[in-house]
Amino acid sequence: MAKAVYSWIQKGLISSKDQYEALIQAGERASPAAWRVFIERVLVMLGLLSLACGVVFFFAYNWNEISRFYKFLTLQVLLVAVVSAYLKWAKNHWLQQAMMITAALVLGALLALFGQTYQTGADPWQLFATWALLITPWVWLSRAEAMWIFWAVLLNTALILKFEVDRSLLGWSLSQHQVSWAFLLLNGLLLCVTEWVSLDWRGFLKRVRLQDRWAALVMGLMVLFVLTTIGLLGIWGDQSVRAASLLTFLVVMAIWFYVYRFIKKDLLLLTAWAMAVIVFILSLLANSVFDSFDAGGLLLMAISLIAMTTFAVSWIKKTHGVFKQESSHE
């Protein structure tokens, strides 16, 4: 329908004053009512997040004036209140996500309070790992995309803090340049899981199915960021990791293109893939062709960037049209 509306506008069949309404009916523009709903959801989520952050700052500022009993009592009461409110308003998807994020933040504050009060001696990464472990049932059962992203942030933070203390993982001692592979493995697994729970499941698995794919999209962008870093290690890294990094980059990028071009057909992740390819090629040119960034070298780099960007934009537009044709035939 959207294609037909744009065609009618180009032919002058729709007057200028009715074009915006026609685009709303075609689903190409948001209506005033949709904007109001969006603003309400954003304000609710920001308000609940502000409440959770306010609790953390309140304890940080009044730490010495509040007794141990009231510290734990306040956080536990707030946690129970947020979870109870979630159970009551669970049918509102956006409010549900805001409630779960708030509960997860309060739980993290409670864990930090426990560690500070009783001086457990645990490393910081263990706090985030425990935090991620405890909210795992909430992540799977809440069906909230924001919770999946929050869970991924906690796991990545725990891994970052662990490598600051010890670079061993599952019995393997990793070098500084091999750490990126661990993040690729972690975020790759998270991407596969978020894509899996975003499928149109029936029966029992419907209990964990996500309504949207934006959590998978965010994880996909994270995987591409880590993968691009590994590709750059294949160019500028140590000799011991260059070959493995380059092979990993090329193989995973080829798999990525096949999956999101022919199976999932996701234009956003293909666009990010094209950007990663451009960055890699420019870095390869800078390393192998140009000895120094003189005026001629910078000019050639600029020309290469313009040429690759133009080709990428043309390819993305063509792919978008192919996706539309393929979806119309399905």
Protein backbone atom coordinates (compact mmCIF):
# COMPACT_ATOMS: atom_id res chain seq x y z
CA MET A 1 0.00 0.00 0.00
CA ALA A 2 2.85 2.39 0.82
CA LYS A 3 4.29 1.97 -2.68
CA ALA A 4 0.91 2.81 -4.21
CA VAL A 5 0.52 5.92 -2.03
CA TYR A 6 3.95 7.23 -3.05
CA SER A 7 3.05 6.58 -6.68
CA TRP A 8 -0.22 8.53 -6.32
CA ILE A 9 1.65 11.44 -4.69
CA GLN A 10 4.18 11.56 -7.55
CA LYS A 11 1.34 11.57 -10.09
CA GLY A 12 -0.43 14.41 -8.26
CA LEU A 13 -3.51 12.31 -7.47
CA ILE A 14 -3.27 13.29 -3.77
CA SER A 15 -3.31 16.97 -2.83
CA SER A 16 -0.51 18.40 -0.70
CA LYS A 17 -2.79 18.90 2.31
CA ASP A 18 -3.86 15.23 2.25
CA GLN A 19 -0.43 13.69 1.68
CA TYR A 20 0.50 13.44 5.37
CA GLU A 21 -2.82 11.74 6.22
CA ALA A 22 -2.39 9.35 3.31
CA LEU A 23 1.08 8.41 4.55
CA ILE A 24 -0.36 7.82 8.05
CA GLN A 25 -2.98 5.48 6.63
CA ALA A 26 -0.26 3.65 4.70
CA GLY A 27 1.79 3.20 7.86
CA GLU A 28 4.67 5.37 6.64
CA ARG A 29 4.12 8.15 9.18
CA ALA A 30 3.13 8.10 12.84
CA SER A 31 -0.25 9.55 13.74
CA PRO A 32 -0.68 12.12 16.57
CA ALA A 33 -2.24 9.38 18.71
CA ALA A 34 0.77 7.12 18.11
CA TRP A 35 3.11 9.96 19.12
CA ARG A 36 1.18 10.48 22.36
CA VAL A 37 1.43 6.78 23.20
CA PHE A 38 5.16 6.81 22.43
CA ILE A 39 5.78 9.88 24.61
CA GLU A 40 3.77 8.36 27.47
CA ARG A 41 5.81 5.16 27.30
CA VAL A 42 9.12 7.01 27.24
CA LEU A 43 8.12 9.20 30.20
CA VAL A 44 6.96 6.18 32.22
CA MET A 45 10.19 4.31 31.54
CA LEU A 46 12.36 7.34 32.32
CA GLY A 47 10.38 8.00 35.51
CA LEU A 48 10.85 4.46 36.81
CA LEU A 49 14.52 4.44 35.90
CA SER A 50 14.92 7.78 37.67
CA LEU A 51 13.27 6.25 40.73
CA ALA A 52 15.71 3.34 40.76
CA CYS A 53 18.73 5.62 40.24
CA GLY A 54 17.40 7.98 42.92
CA VAL A 55 17.36 5.14 45.43
CA VAL A 56 21.01 4.34 44.67
CA PHE A 57 22.09 7.99 45.01
CA PHE A 58 20.01 8.36 48.19
CA PHE A 59 21.93 5.57 49.90
CA ALA A 60 25.26 6.82 48.59
CA TYR A 61 24.65 10.31 50.03
CA ASN A 62 23.14 9.22 53.36
CA TRP A 63 25.25 6.11 53.89
CA ASN A 64 26.52 7.00 57.36
CA GLU A 65 23.21 8.39 58.65
CA ILE A 66 21.05 5.33 57.88
CA SER A 67 21.27 2.21 60.01
CA ARG A 68 21.97 -1.19 58.46
CA PHE A 69 18.44 -2.41 59.23
CA TYR A 70 16.70 0.47 57.43
CA LYS A 71 19.04 0.21 54.44
CA PHE A 72 18.05 -3.40 53.80
CA LEU A 73 14.40 -2.78 54.72
CA THR A 74 14.02 0.11 52.26
CA LEU A 75 15.52 -1.77 49.34
CA GLN A 76 13.61 -4.97 50.04
CA VAL A 77 10.29 -3.14 50.40
CA LEU A 78 10.93 -1.23 47.18
CA LEU A 79 11.87 -4.45 45.36
CA VAL A 80 8.69 -6.20 46.52
CA ALA A 81 6.60 -3.15 45.57
CA VAL A 82 8.01 -2.99 42.04
CA VAL A 83 7.58 -6.73 41.46
CA SER A 84 4.00 -6.55 42.80
CA ALA A 85 3.26 -3.63 40.47
CA TYR A 86 4.71 -5.64 37.60
CA LEU A 87 2.41 -8.58 38.34
CA LYS A 88 -0.59 -6.25 38.42
CA TRP A 89 0.16 -4.35 35.18
CA ALA A 90 1.93 -7.14 33.27
CA LYS A 91 -0.46 -6.80 30.32
CA ASN A 92 1.01 -3.39 29.38
CA HIS A 93 4.15 -4.40 27.47
CA TRP A 94 6.08 -1.13 27.79
CA LEU A 95 5.19 -0.62 31.44
CA GLN A 96 6.17 -4.23 32.00
CA GLN A 97 9.66 -3.61 30.60
CA ALA A 98 10.09 -0.46 32.70
CA MET A 99 9.00 -2.31 35.85
CA MET A 100 11.41 -5.18 35.23
CA ILE A 101 14.36 -2.88 34.56
CA THR A 102 13.57 -0.98 37.75
CA ALA A 103 13.37 -4.21 39.75
CA ALA A 104 16.68 -5.38 38.28
CA LEU A 105 18.38 -2.10 39.24
CA VAL A 106 17.03 -2.27 42.78
CA LEU A 107 18.25 -5.88 43.03
CA GLY A 108 21.71 -4.73 41.95
CA ALA A 109 21.66 -2.01 44.60
CA LEU A 110 20.68 -4.66 47.17
CA LEU A 111 23.59 -6.89 46.14
CA ALA A 112 26.02 -3.96 46.32
CA LEU A 113 24.66 -3.04 49.76
CA PHE A 114 25.16 -6.62 50.95
CA GLY A 115 28.75 -6.65 49.71
CA GLN A 116 29.56 -3.27 51.26
CA THR A 117 27.91 -4.07 54.58
CA TYR A 118 29.41 -7.50 55.19
CA GLN A 119 32.69 -6.97 53.27
CA THR A 120 32.46 -10.28 51.38
CA GLY A 121 35.80 -9.63 49.65
CA ALA A 122 34.43 -10.61 46.24
CA ASP A 123 35.89 -9.08 43.10
CA PRO A 124 33.71 -6.52 41.25
CA TRP A 125 33.17 -8.92 38.35
CA GLN A 126 31.57 -11.43 40.71
CA LEU A 127 28.96 -8.84 41.71
CA PHE A 128 27.91 -8.33 38.08
CA ALA A 129 28.05 -12.05 37.35
CA THR A 130 25.84 -12.81 40.36
CA TRP A 131 23.52 -9.97 39.41
CA ALA A 132 23.17 -11.38 35.87
CA LEU A 133 22.61 -14.88 37.23
CA LEU A 134 19.85 -13.80 39.62
CA ILE A 135 17.87 -11.90 36.99
CA THR A 136 18.14 -14.71 34.42
CA PRO A 137 14.64 -16.10 35.20
CA TRP A 138 13.21 -12.57 34.93
CA VAL A 139 14.89 -12.10 31.56
CA TRP A 140 13.46 -15.31 30.10
CA LEU A 141 9.97 -15.07 31.57
CA SER A 142 9.35 -11.33 31.26
CA ARG A 143 9.48 -11.37 27.43
CA ALA A 144 10.95 -7.86 27.65
CA GLU A 145 13.51 -6.78 25.06
CA ALA A 146 14.97 -4.19 27.42
CA MET A 147 15.70 -6.92 29.97
CA TRP A 148 17.65 -8.92 27.40
CA ILE A 149 19.80 -5.87 26.59
CA PHE A 150 20.31 -5.15 30.29
CA TRP A 151 21.29 -8.80 30.84
CA ALA A 152 23.81 -8.58 27.98
CA VAL A 153 25.30 -5.38 29.46
CA LEU A 154 25.77 -7.10 32.82
CA LEU A 155 27.43 -10.15 31.26
CA ASN A 156 29.79 -8.02 29.17
CA THR A 157 30.63 -5.85 32.18
CA ALA A 158 31.37 -8.94 34.27
CA LEU A 159 33.65 -10.28 31.54
CA ILE A 160 35.48 -6.94 31.20
CA LEU A 161 36.08 -6.72 34.95
CA LYS A 162 37.19 -10.36 35.10
CA PHE A 163 39.83 -9.86 32.43
CA GLU A 164 41.17 -6.90 34.41
CA VAL A 165 41.87 -9.33 37.26
CA ASP A 166 42.58 -12.57 35.42
CA ARG A 167 42.72 -13.29 31.67
CA SER A 168 42.03 -17.00 32.03
CA LEU A 169 38.70 -18.36 30.79
CA LEU A 170 37.52 -21.96 31.14
CA GLY A 171 41.08 -23.06 31.84
CA TRP A 172 42.55 -21.16 28.88
CA SER A 173 44.97 -18.30 29.42
CA LEU A 174 44.23 -15.53 26.93
CA SER A 175 46.59 -12.85 25.71
CA GLN A 176 45.55 -9.22 25.47
CA HIS A 177 44.74 -9.60 21.78
CA GLN A 178 42.77 -12.84 22.28
CA VAL A 179 40.32 -11.22 24.69
CA SER A 180 38.23 -9.97 21.74
CA TRP A 181 37.46 -13.56 20.76
CA ALA A 182 35.88 -14.15 24.17
CA PHE A 183 33.61 -11.13 23.67
CA LEU A 184 32.78 -12.35 20.15
CA LEU A 185 31.79 -15.75 21.54
CA LEU A 186 29.69 -14.25 24.35
CA ASN A 187 27.85 -11.72 22.20
CA GLY A 188 27.51 -14.19 19.34
CA LEU A 189 25.75 -16.62 21.67
CA LEU A 190 23.53 -13.81 22.98
CA LEU A 191 22.66 -12.84 19.39
CA CYS A 192 21.72 -16.43 18.53
CA VAL A 193 19.57 -16.72 21.66
CA THR A 194 17.77 -13.40 21.09
CA GLU A 195 17.10 -14.35 17.46
CA TRP A 196 15.81 -17.72 18.66
CA VAL A 197 13.40 -16.26 21.21
CA SER A 198 12.19 -13.75 18.59
CA LEU A 199 10.84 -16.52 16.35
CA ASP A 200 7.12 -17.11 16.01
CA TRP A 201 6.90 -19.90 18.55
CA ARG A 202 3.77 -21.81 19.49
CA GLY A 203 2.89 -23.86 22.54
CA PHE A 204 5.16 -23.85 25.57
CA LEU A 205 7.95 -21.80 23.94
CA LYS A 206 5.47 -18.98 23.39
CA ARG A 207 5.98 -18.13 27.08
CA VAL A 208 9.48 -16.81 26.34
CA ARG A 209 8.95 -15.42 22.83
CA LEU A 210 9.79 -11.75 22.35
CA GLN A 211 7.27 -9.54 20.60
CA ASP A 212 9.90 -7.59 18.64
CA ARG A 213 13.41 -8.13 17.27
CA TRP A 214 15.07 -4.91 18.44
CA ALA A 215 17.00 -6.74 21.17
CA ALA A 216 18.48 -9.00 18.48
CA LEU A 217 19.29 -5.94 16.37
CA VAL A 218 21.20 -4.31 19.24
CA MET A 219 23.09 -7.54 19.90
CA GLY A 220 23.85 -7.82 16.19
CA LEU A 221 25.40 -4.34 16.17
CA MET A 222 27.47 -5.31 19.20
CA VAL A 223 28.72 -8.47 17.49
CA LEU A 224 29.70 -6.48 14.40
CA PHE A 225 31.61 -3.99 16.57
CA VAL A 226 33.60 -6.79 18.21
CA LEU A 227 34.07 -8.53 14.86
CA THR A 228 35.42 -5.33 13.30
CA THR A 229 37.88 -5.04 16.18
CA ILE A 230 39.07 -8.58 15.47
CA GLY A 231 39.43 -7.69 11.79
CA LEU A 232 41.62 -4.73 12.71
CA LEU A 233 43.73 -7.06 14.86
CA GLY A 234 44.25 -9.10 11.71
CA ILE A 235 45.86 -6.00 10.20
CA TRP A 236 47.64 -4.27 13.07
CA GLY A 237 47.78 -6.93 15.79
CA ASP A 238 50.71 -9.10 16.85
CA GLN A 239 52.03 -11.64 14.37
CA SER A 240 50.82 -14.46 16.63
CA VAL A 241 47.15 -13.48 16.24
CA ARG A 242 47.00 -11.85 12.81
CA ALA A 243 46.24 -14.96 10.77
CA ALA A 244 43.62 -16.31 13.19
CA SER A 245 41.98 -12.88 13.56
CA LEU A 246 41.83 -12.34 9.80
CA LEU A 247 40.39 -15.82 9.21
CA THR A 248 37.79 -15.32 11.96
CA PHE A 249 36.76 -11.97 10.52
CA LEU A 250 36.38 -13.26 6.95
CA VAL A 251 34.50 -16.44 7.89
CA VAL A 252 32.06 -14.80 10.29
CA MET A 253 31.43 -11.88 7.92
CA ALA A 254 30.61 -14.34 5.11
CA ILE A 255 28.21 -16.24 7.39
CA TRP A 256 26.68 -12.94 8.52
CA PHE A 257 26.00 -11.87 4.93
CA TYR A 258 24.38 -15.18 4.04
CA VAL A 259 22.14 -15.25 7.12
CA TYR A 260 20.88 -11.67 6.97
CA ARG A 261 20.65 -11.51 3.19
CA PHE A 262 18.92 -14.81 2.44
CA ILE A 263 17.48 -16.15 5.71
CA LYS A 264 16.52 -13.32 8.09
CA LYS A 265 16.62 -10.57 5.41
CA ASP A 266 17.47 -7.69 7.75
CA LEU A 267 18.41 -4.42 6.02
CA LEU A 268 19.72 -2.71 9.19
CA LEU A 269 22.24 -5.44 9.97
CA LEU A 270 23.25 -5.63 6.30
CA THR A 271 23.90 -1.87 6.38
CA ALA A 272 26.04 -2.28 9.51
CA TRP A 273 27.82 -5.17 7.76
CA ALA A 274 28.62 -2.92 4.81
CA MET A 275 30.01 -0.26 7.16
CA ALA A 276 32.24 -2.88 8.83
CA VAL A 277 33.53 -3.97 5.41
CA ILE A 278 34.33 -0.36 4.50
CA VAL A 279 36.24 0.19 7.75
CA PHE A 280 38.21 -3.02 7.23
CA ILE A 281 39.12 -2.22 3.61
CA LEU A 282 40.18 1.32 4.48
CA SER A 283 42.35 0.00 7.31
CA LEU A 284 43.86 -2.60 4.99
CA LEU A 285 44.66 0.09 2.41
CA ALA A 286 46.17 2.36 5.05
CA ASN A 287 48.39 -0.45 6.30
CA SER A 288 49.53 -2.00 3.02
CA VAL A 289 49.55 0.86 0.51
CA PHE A 290 50.35 4.07 2.32
CA ASP A 291 53.63 4.42 4.16
CA SER A 292 52.68 7.80 5.56
CA PHE A 293 49.56 9.92 5.65
CA ASP A 294 50.80 12.61 3.29
CA ALA A 295 48.50 14.72 1.12
CA GLY A 296 48.43 12.20 -1.74
CA GLY A 297 47.71 9.30 0.58
CA LEU A 298 44.90 11.13 2.36
CA LEU A 299 43.38 12.12 -1.00
CA LEU A 300 43.42 8.52 -2.19
CA MET A 301 41.88 7.40 1.11
CA ALA A 302 39.10 9.97 0.69
CA ILE A 303 38.43 8.85 -2.90
CA SER A 304 38.32 5.22 -1.79
CA LEU A 305 35.90 6.07 1.01
CA ILE A 306 33.59 8.00 -1.33
CA ALA A 307 33.63 5.21 -3.91
CA MET A 308 32.90 2.45 -1.40
CA THR A 309 30.20 4.47 0.36
CA THR A 310 28.48 5.24 -2.95
CA PHE A 311 28.55 1.59 -3.95
CA ALA A 312 27.28 0.52 -0.51
CA VAL A 313 24.36 2.98 -0.60
CA SER A 314 23.42 1.84 -4.11
CA TRP A 315 23.59 -1.81 -3.08
CA ILE A 316 21.51 -1.20 0.07
CA LYS A 317 18.80 0.60 -1.93
CA LYS A 318 18.75 -2.22 -4.47
CA THR A 319 18.58 -4.83 -1.72
CA HIS A 320 15.74 -2.94 -0.07
CA GLY A 321 13.79 -3.12 -3.31
CA VAL A 322 14.52 -6.83 -3.64
CA PHE A 323 13.30 -7.41 -0.08
CA LYS A 324 10.05 -5.60 -0.88
CA GLN A 325 9.50 -7.70 -3.99
CA GLU A 326 10.26 -10.92 -2.15
CA SER A 327 7.89 -10.02 0.71
CA SER A 328 5.09 -9.18 -1.74
CA HIS A 329 5.37 -12.64 -3.32
CA GLU A 330 5.29 -14.47 0.02
